[in-house]
Amino acid sequence: MSPSHQHHDIFLHPGEIHFGVSPGRIGTLLGSCVAVTVWHPQLQFGGMCHILLPGRQRPPGSLPDGRFANEAIERFSYELRAKRVSPASCQVKIFGGGNMFAGIQAINMDVGRRNIEATKAALSAFGFLVMTEHVGGNHRRRLFLDLSSGHVWMVLPQNQSSPSPGRK
């Protein structure tokens, strides 16, 4: 197999962002974190981020940190601008944000819900249009983005039921 036809798999950890071109796959495992996938059909170019937290007070002059929703989406925007691609021309999907701490009696502990809200607000602010989502619930998700097709495969653990996904 020639190097130009090799299949590359990338696994994202919390706070990581990766962009690549076909062929290849990007994957991650989510609980309360949120993943956003972005794919451009004509260029067969796409990316994924693994957002850990809704936001922070960003230190002046610091670079965007992929752990935080608004900063991860800002980095997506930079990647697309470098390729002269409009955010609105991409297929954007959101996953995750599960309530992994259900039953814990702590104020503002629903990190998953807050991650979803912050991610949606950041996507809107940067001009991204969400085409589909599978968010919320109280379970883990494993995702794979195929950079050849833009398809996203989601695997739920067998002993957990899927919530009614929010769809757009």
Protein backbone atom coordinates (compact mmCIF):
# COMPACT_ATOMS: atom_id res chain seq x y z
CA MET A 1 0.00 0.00 0.00
CA SER A 2 1.45 3.38 -0.94
CA PRO A 3 1.73 6.06 1.77
CA SER A 4 -0.90 8.21 0.02
CA HIS A 5 -3.52 5.48 0.53
CA GLN A 6 -2.79 4.65 4.16
CA HIS A 7 -5.64 4.96 6.63
CA HIS A 8 -4.80 7.12 9.65
CA ASP A 9 -6.71 6.89 12.92
CA ILE A 10 -6.43 9.65 15.52
CA PHE A 11 -7.88 9.34 19.03
CA LEU A 12 -8.68 12.61 20.83
CA HIS A 13 -8.32 13.09 24.57
CA PRO A 14 -10.15 15.86 26.46
CA GLY A 15 -9.09 19.28 25.24
CA GLU A 16 -7.61 18.03 21.98
CA ILE A 17 -8.48 19.18 18.47
CA HIS A 18 -7.48 17.54 15.22
CA PHE A 19 -8.05 18.41 11.56
CA GLY A 20 -7.15 16.15 8.68
CA VAL A 21 -7.91 15.09 5.14
CA SER A 22 -9.20 11.89 3.60
CA PRO A 23 -8.42 9.06 4.19
CA GLY A 24 -8.55 8.82 7.94
CA ARG A 25 -10.72 8.70 11.01
CA ILE A 26 -10.86 10.75 14.18
CA GLY A 27 -12.35 9.21 17.30
CA THR A 28 -13.03 10.00 20.93
CA LEU A 29 -14.91 8.81 24.00
CA LEU A 30 -17.38 11.16 25.71
CA GLY A 31 -19.22 11.44 29.00
CA SER A 32 -20.12 14.96 30.09
CA CYS A 33 -17.68 16.33 27.51
CA VAL A 34 -18.92 17.50 24.11
CA ALA A 35 -17.44 16.71 20.72
CA VAL A 36 -18.02 18.78 17.61
CA THR A 37 -17.29 17.40 14.16
CA VAL A 38 -16.77 19.65 11.15
CA TRP A 39 -16.45 18.32 7.60
CA HIS A 40 -16.24 20.01 4.20
CA PRO A 41 -17.66 17.69 1.50
CA GLN A 42 -15.84 19.11 -1.53
CA LEU A 43 -12.42 19.28 0.13
CA GLN A 44 -12.85 16.04 2.14
CA PHE A 45 -11.31 17.95 5.02
CA GLY A 46 -12.58 17.87 8.56
CA GLY A 47 -11.93 17.95 12.22
CA MET A 48 -13.12 17.12 15.68
CA CYS A 49 -12.69 18.72 19.08
CA HIS A 50 -13.21 17.22 22.53
CA ILE A 51 -14.54 19.99 24.81
CA LEU A 52 -14.06 19.45 28.54
CA LEU A 53 -15.62 22.56 30.11
CA PRO A 54 -18.02 25.36 29.15
CA GLY A 55 -15.57 28.25 29.53
CA ARG A 56 -13.15 30.23 31.64
CA GLN A 57 -11.82 33.72 32.23
CA ARG A 58 -9.23 33.66 29.46
CA PRO A 59 -5.95 35.32 30.41
CA PRO A 60 -5.17 38.33 28.19
CA GLY A 61 -2.93 37.41 25.27
CA SER A 62 -3.29 33.66 25.77
CA LEU A 63 -3.90 31.29 22.89
CA PRO A 64 -7.28 29.52 22.61
CA ASP A 65 -7.39 26.37 24.75
CA GLY A 66 -9.31 23.40 23.29
CA ARG A 67 -10.58 22.35 26.71
CA PHE A 68 -13.11 25.20 26.70
CA ALA A 69 -16.13 25.46 24.36
CA ASN A 70 -15.71 29.00 23.03
CA GLU A 71 -11.95 28.61 22.62
CA ALA A 72 -12.17 25.23 20.86
CA ILE A 73 -14.68 26.65 18.37
CA GLU A 74 -12.45 29.69 17.88
CA ARG A 75 -9.63 27.31 16.94
CA PHE A 76 -11.97 25.56 14.48
CA SER A 77 -12.63 28.96 12.93
CA TYR A 78 -8.87 29.62 12.57
CA GLU A 79 -8.35 26.24 10.85
CA LEU A 80 -11.10 26.94 8.35
CA ARG A 81 -9.98 30.50 7.63
CA ALA A 82 -6.46 29.19 6.91
CA LYS A 83 -8.01 27.05 4.16
CA ARG A 84 -10.36 29.87 3.03
CA VAL A 85 -13.40 27.82 4.04
CA SER A 86 -16.57 29.40 5.40
CA PRO A 87 -17.95 27.79 8.58
CA ALA A 88 -21.43 27.80 7.00
CA SER A 89 -20.19 25.57 4.13
CA CYS A 90 -19.29 22.74 6.50
CA GLN A 91 -21.32 19.90 7.95
CA VAL A 92 -21.34 20.39 11.72
CA LYS A 93 -22.51 17.83 14.28
CA ILE A 94 -22.56 17.89 18.11
CA PHE A 95 -22.38 14.89 20.43
CA GLY A 96 -22.11 14.21 24.16
CA GLY A 97 -22.87 16.34 27.16
CA GLY A 98 -24.22 13.47 29.21
CA ASN A 99 -25.14 13.97 32.86
CA MET A 100 -22.46 11.69 34.26
CA PHE A 101 -22.99 12.92 37.81
CA ALA A 102 -26.72 12.19 38.13
CA GLY A 103 -27.77 11.83 41.74
CA ILE A 104 -25.02 14.04 43.11
CA GLN A 105 -26.64 16.90 45.00
CA ALA A 106 -24.30 19.71 43.98
CA ILE A 107 -25.23 23.11 42.65
CA ASN A 108 -24.24 23.60 38.99
CA MET A 109 -22.93 20.05 38.73
CA ASP A 110 -24.66 19.38 35.40
CA VAL A 111 -21.45 19.97 33.44
CA GLY A 112 -22.86 18.12 30.42
CA ARG A 113 -25.80 20.50 30.02
CA ARG A 114 -23.56 23.54 30.49
CA ASN A 115 -21.09 22.14 27.92
CA ILE A 116 -23.92 21.70 25.38
CA GLU A 117 -25.23 25.24 25.92
CA ALA A 118 -21.76 26.85 25.71
CA THR A 119 -20.84 24.85 22.61
CA LYS A 120 -24.03 25.78 20.77
CA ALA A 121 -23.56 29.45 21.66
CA ALA A 122 -19.95 29.41 20.42
CA LEU A 123 -20.87 27.64 17.17
CA SER A 124 -23.56 30.22 16.49
CA ALA A 125 -21.25 33.13 17.32
CA PHE A 126 -18.62 31.88 14.83
CA GLY A 127 -21.15 31.24 12.03
CA PHE A 128 -21.36 27.44 12.16
CA LEU A 129 -24.70 25.81 11.36
CA VAL A 130 -25.44 22.58 13.23
CA MET A 131 -27.00 19.92 11.01
CA THR A 132 -27.51 17.22 13.65
CA GLU A 133 -26.89 16.50 17.30
CA HIS A 134 -27.04 13.65 19.80
CA VAL A 135 -26.64 15.29 23.19
CA GLY A 136 -27.70 14.90 26.81
CA GLY A 137 -28.85 11.73 28.50
CA ASN A 138 -26.78 10.01 31.15
CA HIS A 139 -24.43 7.74 29.25
CA ARG A 140 -21.10 7.57 27.48
CA ARG A 141 -20.65 7.76 23.72
CA ARG A 142 -17.80 6.64 21.49
CA LEU A 143 -17.51 8.54 18.18
CA PHE A 144 -15.67 8.15 14.91
CA LEU A 145 -15.55 10.76 12.12
CA ASP A 146 -14.68 9.34 8.69
CA LEU A 147 -12.75 12.01 6.80
CA SER A 148 -13.58 10.36 3.44
CA SER A 149 -17.35 10.70 3.80
CA GLY A 150 -18.06 12.98 6.76
CA HIS A 151 -20.09 10.20 8.35
CA VAL A 152 -20.00 9.99 12.13
CA TRP A 153 -20.50 6.64 13.84
CA MET A 154 -21.64 6.65 17.44
CA VAL A 155 -21.45 3.64 19.72
CA LEU A 156 -23.33 3.51 23.01
CA PRO A 157 -22.35 0.96 25.67
CA GLN A 158 -24.66 -2.08 25.41
CA ASN A 159 -26.02 -1.82 28.93
CA GLN A 160 -27.14 1.80 28.46
CA SER A 161 -30.20 2.97 26.63
CA SER A 162 -30.06 5.83 24.15
CA PRO A 163 -31.99 8.99 25.03
CA SER A 164 -34.26 10.59 22.52
CA PRO A 165 -31.63 12.53 20.60
CA GLY A 166 -32.21 16.15 19.79
CA ARG A 167 -32.09 16.44 16.01
CA LYS A 168 -31.92 19.36 13.65
